[in-house]
């Protein structure tokens, strides 16, 4: 069975920690430089800062540039601060232009100037082109280094051209066909190039259905295109259909991984680019904002609860039972919210079908509300020997599940319309709705039914 990535990283980390503690730097050097760039990046992110810098000194200089691309922003900044300008220039000179564009803003100005001076005019223009597009778009994701051919030449001419180039881009599964003006016409699959008669012209084998991606397409949509069409690479074109670059599957894997991390961490108010071993005060300061937001929402719920203090004083059982209502409502709302956020991220939920999904979630909430209302009502009746208390408990659960289901479906849509990330703010808003509605539904009903007020 293939070893899972997490298990492999943990095993490498364990062996590395043992070697570091034993003081055998030669063993550490061998362990580190036997790994891939991405594996070294994972290990560096998994080490406290003092050990991280020790290990970084032992990384093969030829791998340093590629490793800098793999680590998150904050870890990269700490590694760059520990390097001399000459080391940084040497490490980043041979990076692909798309990788260099990803980390260029983290490099010192002196290093950037040296890198640009060492480039020829064509590479500087290509780098500027990549940097001109948003980072989370097809343009920001693409590599401008592409192999293009003309449609009016034979396959034999293409073979000679490729042999003359010598080194070809990675993940090369197709050659892009353009006209004299650089406009994209289609693609020639490498498989066809290798198996067809060399005397045949490119025009006879060109795949005109090979869809090019617009340069402004969001990177999430790029990932969807690769998934739906099983792509290994794809051409990128500008508004005039001119070929400006290519995206390969390894870039898309990074997008998928980053989106997954973003979805998980932002729901807790965290950032995937943060260093998990950052100083204590720095880490604590980052979390203040969302702790403060949650404090405000908790105080709102407490103020609502305070308004029912006479009822709670009169019927102590309510104070014991109302967390049950809020807990069930919170879980139900989170389920709907998570479903909506995922559907919006994958493009499966939009204005065209959100109404259908809302009606479905309402129906599910009513059904689950009735089932759990009966269960909890019966328990409350037997527990306190009070039929009215059980009825109030059951009714509150139905109301709360119904309201939070609607909120869980609507909140992400409203936040997206307001240009706010639903994964970032949706949970906080939903928690406030769940708490306030839960208190109003349960304590409010109890005040009316049980006390007659």
Protein backbone atom coordinates (compact mmCIF):
# COMPACT_ATOMS: atom_id res chain seq x y z
CA UNK A 1 0.00 0.00 0.00
CA UNK A 2 1.27 3.44 -0.92
CA UNK A 3 2.43 5.44 2.12
CA UNK A 4 0.25 8.44 2.88
CA UNK A 5 1.86 11.88 2.51
CA UNK A 6 1.23 12.80 6.17
CA UNK A 7 2.78 9.53 7.39
CA UNK A 8 5.79 10.01 5.14
CA UNK A 9 6.35 13.56 6.39
CA UNK A 10 5.99 12.44 10.01
CA UNK A 11 8.53 9.64 9.43
CA UNK A 12 11.02 12.03 7.82
CA UNK A 13 10.50 14.51 10.65
CA UNK A 14 11.15 11.84 13.29
CA UNK A 15 14.36 10.66 11.63
CA UNK A 16 15.51 14.24 11.15
CA UNK A 17 14.82 15.17 14.78
CA UNK A 18 16.82 12.18 16.00
CA UNK A 19 19.74 13.12 13.75
CA UNK A 20 19.63 16.76 14.86
CA UNK A 21 19.55 15.82 18.52
CA UNK A 22 22.52 13.51 18.06
CA UNK A 23 24.51 16.30 16.44
CA UNK A 24 25.41 14.31 13.32
CA UNK A 25 25.16 17.00 10.63
CA UNK A 26 26.44 14.69 7.90
CA UNK A 27 23.49 12.37 8.48
CA UNK A 28 21.08 15.34 8.49
CA UNK A 29 22.57 16.55 5.19
CA UNK A 30 22.07 13.13 3.59
CA UNK A 31 18.50 12.84 4.88
CA UNK A 32 17.53 16.30 3.64
CA UNK A 33 19.09 16.21 0.20
CA UNK A 34 17.62 12.79 -0.55
CA UNK A 35 14.14 14.36 -0.49
CA UNK A 36 12.23 16.26 -3.18
CA UNK A 37 11.85 20.03 -3.07
CA UNK A 38 8.28 19.77 -1.77
CA UNK A 39 9.26 17.26 0.93
CA UNK A 40 12.06 19.53 2.14
CA UNK A 41 9.57 22.40 2.24
CA UNK A 42 7.13 20.35 4.33
CA UNK A 43 9.88 19.43 6.79
CA UNK A 44 11.09 23.03 7.14
CA UNK A 45 7.53 24.16 7.92
CA UNK A 46 7.32 21.39 10.53
CA UNK A 47 10.42 22.50 12.46
CA UNK A 48 10.75 25.18 15.17
CA UNK A 49 12.71 28.19 13.95
CA UNK A 50 16.12 27.36 15.56
CA UNK A 51 16.17 23.84 14.08
CA UNK A 52 14.74 25.12 10.80
CA UNK A 53 17.70 27.45 10.26
CA UNK A 54 20.18 24.68 11.11
CA UNK A 55 18.58 22.38 8.54
CA UNK A 56 18.35 25.16 5.94
CA UNK A 57 22.12 25.63 6.12
CA UNK A 58 22.51 21.97 5.15
CA UNK A 59 20.24 22.06 2.09
CA UNK A 60 22.03 21.69 -1.22
CA UNK A 61 22.42 25.22 -2.69
CA UNK A 62 21.16 23.90 -6.04
CA UNK A 63 17.83 23.04 -4.38
CA UNK A 64 17.36 26.22 -2.36
CA UNK A 65 15.43 28.17 -5.00
CA UNK A 66 12.94 25.37 -5.62
CA UNK A 67 12.47 24.86 -1.87
CA UNK A 68 11.75 28.58 -1.37
CA UNK A 69 8.93 28.23 -3.88
CA UNK A 70 7.41 25.33 -1.92
CA UNK A 71 7.24 26.83 1.60
CA UNK A 72 4.57 29.27 2.77
CA UNK A 73 5.09 33.03 2.72
CA UNK A 74 6.09 33.49 6.35
CA UNK A 75 8.56 30.60 6.44
CA UNK A 76 10.02 31.80 3.13
CA UNK A 77 10.54 35.28 4.59
CA UNK A 78 12.40 33.85 7.59
CA UNK A 79 14.68 31.77 5.35
CA UNK A 80 15.40 34.71 3.04
CA UNK A 81 16.37 36.88 6.01
CA UNK A 82 19.04 34.30 6.86
CA UNK A 83 20.58 34.35 3.37
CA UNK A 84 23.15 36.67 1.83
CA UNK A 85 22.17 38.52 -1.38
CA UNK A 86 24.69 36.49 -3.39
CA UNK A 87 23.13 33.24 -2.13
CA UNK A 88 19.66 34.42 -3.08
CA UNK A 89 20.72 35.41 -6.58
CA UNK A 90 22.39 32.04 -7.11
CA UNK A 91 19.36 30.17 -5.74
CA UNK A 92 16.75 31.96 -7.85
CA UNK A 93 18.55 32.62 -11.15
CA UNK A 94 17.53 29.32 -12.76
CA UNK A 95 13.92 29.23 -11.51
CA UNK A 96 11.11 28.99 -14.04
CA UNK A 97 9.61 32.41 -14.67
CA UNK A 98 6.26 31.48 -13.12
CA UNK A 99 7.99 30.23 -9.95
CA UNK A 100 10.18 33.33 -9.80
CA UNK A 101 7.09 35.51 -10.14
CA UNK A 102 5.55 33.74 -7.13
CA UNK A 103 8.40 34.68 -4.78
CA UNK A 104 9.78 37.85 -6.37
CA UNK A 105 7.91 40.17 -3.98
CA UNK A 106 9.61 38.43 -1.02
CA UNK A 107 13.14 39.10 -2.27
CA UNK A 108 15.21 42.15 -1.25
CA UNK A 109 15.30 44.99 -3.78
CA UNK A 110 19.03 44.51 -4.43
CA UNK A 111 18.46 40.86 -5.34
CA UNK A 112 15.54 41.74 -7.64
CA UNK A 113 17.68 44.29 -9.46
CA UNK A 114 20.48 41.77 -9.98
CA UNK A 115 18.08 39.13 -11.25
CA UNK A 116 16.48 41.53 -13.73
CA UNK A 117 19.87 42.75 -14.96
CA UNK A 118 20.97 39.14 -15.60
CA UNK A 119 17.88 38.40 -17.73
CA UNK A 120 17.63 39.03 -21.43
CA UNK A 121 14.97 41.42 -22.73
CA UNK A 122 12.58 38.62 -23.70
CA UNK A 123 12.61 37.00 -20.23
CA UNK A 124 12.15 40.39 -18.53
CA UNK A 125 9.12 41.03 -20.73
CA UNK A 126 7.70 37.59 -19.94
CA UNK A 127 8.23 38.07 -16.21
CA UNK A 128 6.56 41.47 -16.34
CA UNK A 129 3.67 39.89 -18.21
CA UNK A 130 3.13 37.24 -15.51
CA UNK A 131 3.39 39.82 -12.74
CA UNK A 132 0.76 41.99 -14.44
CA UNK A 133 -1.96 39.39 -13.82
CA UNK A 134 -3.64 38.68 -10.47
CA UNK A 135 -1.93 35.89 -8.56
CA UNK A 136 -5.15 33.87 -8.32
CA UNK A 137 -5.86 33.91 -12.07
CA UNK A 138 -4.78 31.78 -15.03
CA UNK A 139 -2.34 34.54 -15.98
CA UNK A 140 -0.74 34.50 -12.54
CA UNK A 141 -0.59 30.72 -12.59
CA UNK A 142 0.81 30.19 -16.09
CA UNK A 143 4.37 29.72 -17.29
CA UNK A 144 5.08 31.99 -20.29
CA UNK A 145 7.70 29.53 -21.55
CA UNK A 146 5.81 27.66 -24.28
CA UNK A 147 6.75 25.64 -27.35
CA UNK A 148 4.85 26.86 -30.40
CA UNK A 149 4.78 25.60 -33.97
CA UNK A 150 3.17 26.65 -37.25
CA UNK A 151 0.37 24.74 -38.97
CA UNK A 152 1.94 24.77 -42.45
CA UNK A 153 5.06 22.73 -41.61
CA UNK A 154 5.57 18.95 -41.63
CA UNK A 155 6.14 16.77 -38.60
CA UNK A 156 9.73 16.22 -39.73
CA UNK A 157 10.31 19.98 -39.46
CA UNK A 158 8.81 19.92 -35.98
CA UNK A 159 11.17 17.08 -34.99
CA UNK A 160 14.19 19.06 -36.18
CA UNK A 161 12.96 22.13 -34.32
CA UNK A 162 12.58 20.22 -31.05
CA UNK A 163 16.00 18.61 -31.39
CA UNK A 164 17.47 22.04 -31.98
CA UNK A 165 15.86 23.41 -28.83
CA UNK A 166 17.40 20.57 -26.82
CA UNK A 167 15.67 21.18 -23.49
CA UNK A 168 11.87 21.06 -23.40
CA UNK A 169 9.43 22.20 -20.69
CA UNK A 170 8.24 19.67 -18.12
CA UNK A 171 4.86 17.91 -18.53
CA UNK A 172 4.95 18.51 -22.27
CA UNK A 173 2.01 16.53 -23.67
CA UNK A 174 1.11 18.85 -26.56
CA UNK A 175 2.60 21.55 -28.78
CA UNK A 176 0.61 24.72 -29.38
CA UNK A 177 -0.09 25.79 -32.93
CA UNK A 178 -0.18 29.54 -33.66
CA UNK A 179 -0.32 31.72 -36.76
CA UNK A 180 2.20 34.42 -37.72
CA UNK A 181 0.59 36.88 -35.30
CA UNK A 182 0.75 34.48 -32.36
CA UNK A 183 -2.98 33.74 -32.29
CA UNK A 184 -3.84 30.31 -30.92
CA UNK A 185 -5.15 27.83 -33.52
CA UNK A 186 -5.06 24.48 -31.71
CA UNK A 187 -2.73 21.80 -30.41
CA UNK A 188 -0.63 18.94 -31.71
CA UNK A 189 -0.56 16.01 -29.28
CA UNK A 190 2.89 14.55 -28.63
CA UNK A 191 1.38 11.10 -29.10
CA UNK A 192 0.34 12.00 -32.67
CA UNK A 193 3.70 13.61 -33.36
CA UNK A 194 5.55 10.41 -32.40
CA UNK A 195 3.31 7.94 -34.21
CA UNK A 196 2.25 9.71 -37.42
CA UNK A 197 4.09 9.84 -40.78
CA UNK A 198 6.80 12.56 -40.56
CA UNK A 199 5.78 13.78 -44.01
CA UNK A 200 2.31 14.78 -42.79
CA UNK A 201 1.75 18.46 -42.12
CA UNK A 202 0.78 19.77 -38.71
CA UNK A 203 -2.42 21.13 -40.22
CA UNK A 204 -3.66 17.56 -40.85
CA UNK A 205 -3.28 16.56 -37.17
CA UNK A 206 -4.10 19.79 -35.39
CA UNK A 207 -6.69 19.46 -32.62
CA UNK A 208 -8.84 22.55 -32.97
CA UNK A 209 -11.05 21.43 -30.07
CA UNK A 210 -8.22 21.85 -27.57
CA UNK A 211 -9.76 24.63 -25.47
CA UNK A 212 -7.60 27.54 -24.40
CA UNK A 213 -8.12 29.15 -20.99
CA UNK A 214 -8.72 32.91 -20.75
CA UNK A 215 -5.90 34.71 -18.99
CA UNK A 216 -8.31 36.22 -16.45
CA UNK A 217 -9.98 32.91 -15.48
CA UNK A 218 -9.92 32.43 -11.65
CA UNK A 219 -7.51 29.71 -10.53
CA UNK A 220 -10.35 27.75 -8.93
CA UNK A 221 -12.08 27.54 -12.30
CA UNK A 222 -8.78 26.51 -13.89
CA UNK A 223 -8.62 23.57 -11.46
CA UNK A 224 -12.20 22.65 -12.38
CA UNK A 225 -11.33 22.68 -16.11
CA UNK A 226 -8.38 20.34 -15.51
CA UNK A 227 -10.57 18.04 -13.42
CA UNK A 228 -13.48 17.91 -15.87
CA UNK A 229 -11.35 17.38 -18.98
CA UNK A 230 -8.48 15.30 -17.49
CA UNK A 231 -5.90 17.82 -18.69
CA UNK A 232 -2.13 17.54 -18.24
CA UNK A 233 -1.52 21.02 -19.65
CA UNK A 234 -3.58 23.81 -21.16
CA UNK A 235 -2.82 26.91 -23.26
CA UNK A 236 -3.61 30.37 -21.90
CA UNK A 237 -4.73 33.16 -24.24
CA UNK A 238 -5.41 36.87 -23.82
CA UNK A 239 -8.53 38.77 -24.86
CA UNK A 240 -7.33 38.77 -28.50
CA UNK A 241 -6.79 34.98 -28.49
CA UNK A 242 -3.00 35.39 -28.52
CA UNK A 243 -1.11 32.57 -26.80
CA UNK A 244 0.59 33.96 -23.68
CA UNK A 245 1.51 30.84 -21.68
CA UNK A 246 0.64 27.37 -20.48
CA UNK A 247 -0.59 25.84 -17.24
CA UNK A 248 0.46 22.34 -16.19
CA UNK A 249 -1.08 19.85 -13.80
CA UNK A 250 1.56 20.42 -11.10
CA UNK A 251 0.45 24.06 -10.87
CA UNK A 252 -3.18 22.95 -10.56
CA UNK A 253 -2.35 20.49 -7.78
CA UNK A 254 -0.87 23.42 -5.83
CA UNK A 255 -4.10 25.37 -6.36
CA UNK A 256 -6.24 22.49 -5.10
CA UNK A 257 -4.04 22.04 -2.04
CA UNK A 258 -4.03 25.76 -1.28
CA UNK A 259 -7.83 25.98 -1.61
CA UNK A 260 -8.28 23.03 0.73
CA UNK A 261 -5.99 24.59 3.34
CA UNK A 262 -7.68 27.95 2.90
CA UNK A 263 -11.15 26.48 3.44
CA UNK A 264 -10.14 24.68 6.63
CA UNK A 265 -8.08 27.45 8.20
CA UNK A 266 -10.20 30.47 7.34
CA UNK A 267 -13.23 28.94 9.07
CA UNK A 268 -11.14 29.24 12.26
CA UNK A 269 -9.88 32.74 11.39
CA UNK A 270 -6.39 31.49 10.48
CA UNK A 271 -4.17 32.00 7.43
CA UNK A 272 -2.50 29.17 5.52
CA UNK A 273 0.57 31.38 4.96
CA UNK A 274 1.24 31.72 8.71
CA UNK A 275 4.20 29.95 10.30
CA UNK A 276 2.89 27.49 12.89
CA UNK A 277 6.12 28.00 14.87
CA UNK A 278 5.98 31.81 14.83
CA UNK A 279 6.74 33.57 18.15
CA UNK A 280 4.04 33.28 20.83
CA UNK A 281 3.17 36.98 21.00
CA UNK A 282 2.99 37.26 17.20
CA UNK A 283 0.69 34.24 16.97
CA UNK A 284 -1.51 35.48 19.81
CA UNK A 285 -1.85 38.92 18.20
CA UNK A 286 -3.06 37.38 14.94
CA UNK A 287 -5.84 35.57 16.75
CA UNK A 288 -7.07 38.61 18.66
CA UNK A 289 -9.26 39.85 15.83
CA UNK A 290 -11.43 36.76 15.56
CA UNK A 291 -11.45 36.19 19.29
CA UNK A 292 -12.73 39.76 19.65
CA UNK A 293 -15.38 39.20 16.97
CA UNK A 294 -16.55 36.05 18.69
CA UNK A 295 -16.58 37.86 22.03
CA UNK A 296 -18.93 40.47 20.57
CA UNK A 297 -21.26 37.82 19.17
CA UNK A 298 -21.20 35.94 22.47
CA UNK A 299 -22.07 39.15 24.33
CA UNK A 300 -25.02 39.69 21.99
CA UNK A 301 -26.31 36.21 22.85
CA UNK A 302 -25.67 36.89 26.55
CA UNK A 303 -27.66 40.14 26.37
CA UNK A 304 -30.59 38.28 24.80
CA UNK A 305 -30.36 35.64 27.52
CA UNK A 306 -30.15 38.33 30.21
CA UNK A 307 -33.50 39.72 29.10
CA UNK A 308 -35.06 36.38 30.10
CA UNK A 309 -33.36 36.27 33.50
CA UNK A 310 -36.67 36.28 35.46
CA UNK A 311 -37.82 33.19 33.56
CA UNK A 312 -34.53 31.41 34.23
CA UNK A 313 -34.76 32.29 37.92
CA UNK A 314 -38.28 30.88 38.03
CA UNK A 315 -37.64 27.69 36.07
CA UNK A 316 -34.10 26.43 36.70
CA UNK A 317 -34.58 23.48 34.30
CA UNK A 318 -34.43 25.92 31.38
CA UNK A 319 -30.81 26.82 32.17
CA UNK A 320 -29.93 23.13 32.07
CA UNK A 321 -31.82 22.29 28.89
CA UNK A 322 -31.33 25.29 26.59
CA UNK A 323 -27.70 24.34 25.65
CA UNK A 324 -29.22 21.23 24.05
CA UNK A 325 -31.32 23.40 21.72
CA UNK A 326 -28.37 25.61 20.80
CA UNK A 327 -26.02 22.66 20.27
CA UNK A 328 -28.36 20.80 17.89
CA UNK A 329 -29.08 24.01 16.01
CA UNK A 330 -25.38 24.82 15.72
CA UNK A 331 -24.52 21.43 14.24
CA UNK A 332 -27.44 21.54 11.77
CA UNK A 333 -26.53 25.06 10.66
CA UNK A 334 -22.86 24.16 10.23
CA UNK A 335 -23.80 21.21 8.03
CA UNK A 336 -25.81 23.43 5.69
CA UNK A 337 -23.21 26.20 5.74
CA UNK A 338 -20.36 23.80 4.90
CA UNK A 339 -22.38 22.25 2.08
CA UNK A 340 -23.09 25.69 0.58
CA UNK A 341 -19.50 26.95 0.88
CA UNK A 342 -18.14 23.80 -0.75
CA UNK A 343 -20.76 23.98 -3.52
CA UNK A 344 -19.93 27.62 -4.21
CA UNK A 345 -16.19 26.87 -4.27
CA UNK A 346 -16.64 24.07 -6.80
CA UNK A 347 -19.17 26.02 -8.88
CA UNK A 348 -21.99 23.58 -8.10
CA UNK A 349 -24.07 26.23 -6.33
CA UNK A 350 -25.13 29.44 -8.07
CA UNK A 351 -28.12 31.76 -8.31
CA UNK A 352 -29.71 29.33 -10.79
CA UNK A 353 -30.05 26.46 -8.32
CA UNK A 354 -29.68 28.07 -4.88
CA UNK A 355 -33.47 28.32 -4.50
CA UNK A 356 -33.90 24.59 -5.07
CA UNK A 357 -31.15 23.82 -2.57
CA UNK A 358 -32.71 26.18 -0.03
CA UNK A 359 -36.08 24.43 -0.28
CA UNK A 360 -34.37 21.07 0.11
CA UNK A 361 -32.49 22.20 3.22
CA UNK A 362 -35.70 23.58 4.72
CA UNK A 363 -37.43 20.23 4.13
CA UNK A 364 -34.49 18.37 5.69
CA UNK A 365 -34.56 20.73 8.69
CA UNK A 366 -38.28 20.18 9.22
CA UNK A 367 -37.92 16.40 9.02
CA UNK A 368 -34.90 16.28 11.35
CA UNK A 369 -36.53 18.86 13.61
CA UNK A 370 -39.65 16.73 14.07
CA UNK A 371 -37.63 13.56 14.73
CA UNK A 372 -35.27 15.09 17.29
CA UNK A 373 -38.01 17.23 18.80
CA UNK A 374 -39.95 14.07 19.67
CA UNK A 375 -36.86 12.41 21.15
CA UNK A 376 -35.81 15.42 23.25
CA UNK A 377 -39.38 16.25 24.30
CA UNK A 378 -39.93 12.74 25.63
CA UNK A 379 -36.62 12.85 27.52
CA UNK A 380 -37.50 16.26 29.04
CA UNK A 381 -40.99 15.10 30.04
CA UNK A 382 -39.67 12.06 31.89
CA UNK A 383 -36.69 13.91 33.32
CA UNK A 384 -38.71 16.72 34.89
CA UNK A 385 -42.16 15.13 34.85
CA UNK A 386 -43.48 18.18 33.00
CA UNK A 387 -45.36 17.70 29.74
CA UNK A 388 -45.41 21.42 28.89
CA UNK A 389 -41.66 21.68 29.32
CA UNK A 390 -41.21 18.80 26.87
CA UNK A 391 -43.52 20.44 24.33
CA UNK A 392 -41.63 23.73 24.63
CA UNK A 393 -38.33 21.90 24.16
CA UNK A 394 -39.58 20.09 21.05
CA UNK A 395 -41.08 23.21 19.49
CA UNK A 396 -37.87 25.18 20.12
CA UNK A 397 -35.79 22.53 18.34
CA UNK A 398 -38.04 22.57 15.27
CA UNK A 399 -37.96 26.38 15.09
CA UNK A 400 -34.21 26.57 15.63
CA UNK A 401 -33.35 23.90 13.05
CA UNK A 402 -35.62 25.56 10.50
CA UNK A 403 -34.15 29.04 11.00
CA UNK A 404 -30.49 27.93 11.05
CA UNK A 405 -31.02 25.84 7.90
CA UNK A 406 -32.26 28.95 6.11
CA UNK A 407 -29.41 31.00 7.58
CA UNK A 408 -26.80 28.38 6.63
CA UNK A 409 -28.01 28.45 3.03
CA UNK A 410 -28.51 32.20 2.66
CA UNK A 411 -25.54 33.62 4.61
CA UNK A 412 -22.83 32.37 2.16
CA UNK A 413 -24.76 33.79 -0.80
CA UNK A 414 -25.15 37.18 0.87
CA UNK A 415 -21.50 37.31 1.94
CA UNK A 416 -20.33 36.45 -1.58
CA UNK A 417 -22.54 39.19 -3.00
CA UNK A 418 -20.88 41.59 -0.54
CA UNK A 419 -17.42 40.39 -1.72
CA UNK A 420 -16.72 38.76 1.67
CA UNK A 421 -15.21 35.27 1.83
CA UNK A 422 -18.00 32.97 3.14
CA UNK A 423 -15.43 30.57 4.59
CA UNK A 424 -13.96 33.41 6.63
CA UNK A 425 -17.07 35.10 8.01
CA UNK A 426 -19.86 32.57 7.52
CA UNK A 427 -19.19 30.63 10.72
CA UNK A 428 -19.19 33.73 12.92
CA UNK A 429 -22.45 35.06 11.48
CA UNK A 430 -24.10 31.64 11.71
CA UNK A 431 -23.03 31.20 15.35
CA UNK A 432 -24.68 34.50 16.25
CA UNK A 433 -27.91 33.52 14.47
CA UNK A 434 -27.91 30.07 16.09
CA UNK A 435 -27.38 31.43 19.60
CA UNK A 436 -29.89 34.28 19.36
CA UNK A 437 -32.63 32.25 17.66
CA UNK A 438 -32.05 29.33 20.03
CA UNK A 439 -32.49 31.54 23.06
CA UNK A 440 -35.55 33.30 21.66
CA UNK A 441 -37.16 30.05 20.57
CA UNK A 442 -36.62 28.10 23.79
CA UNK A 443 -36.62 30.71 26.56
CA UNK A 444 -39.19 32.87 24.77
CA UNK A 445 -41.61 29.96 24.36
CA UNK A 446 -41.00 28.90 27.96
CA UNK A 447 -41.74 32.43 29.18
CA UNK A 448 -45.06 32.43 27.32
CA UNK A 449 -46.16 28.84 27.93
CA UNK A 450 -44.75 27.98 31.34
CA UNK A 451 -44.98 31.31 33.17
CA UNK A 452 -47.90 32.86 31.32
CA UNK A 453 -45.98 36.15 30.80
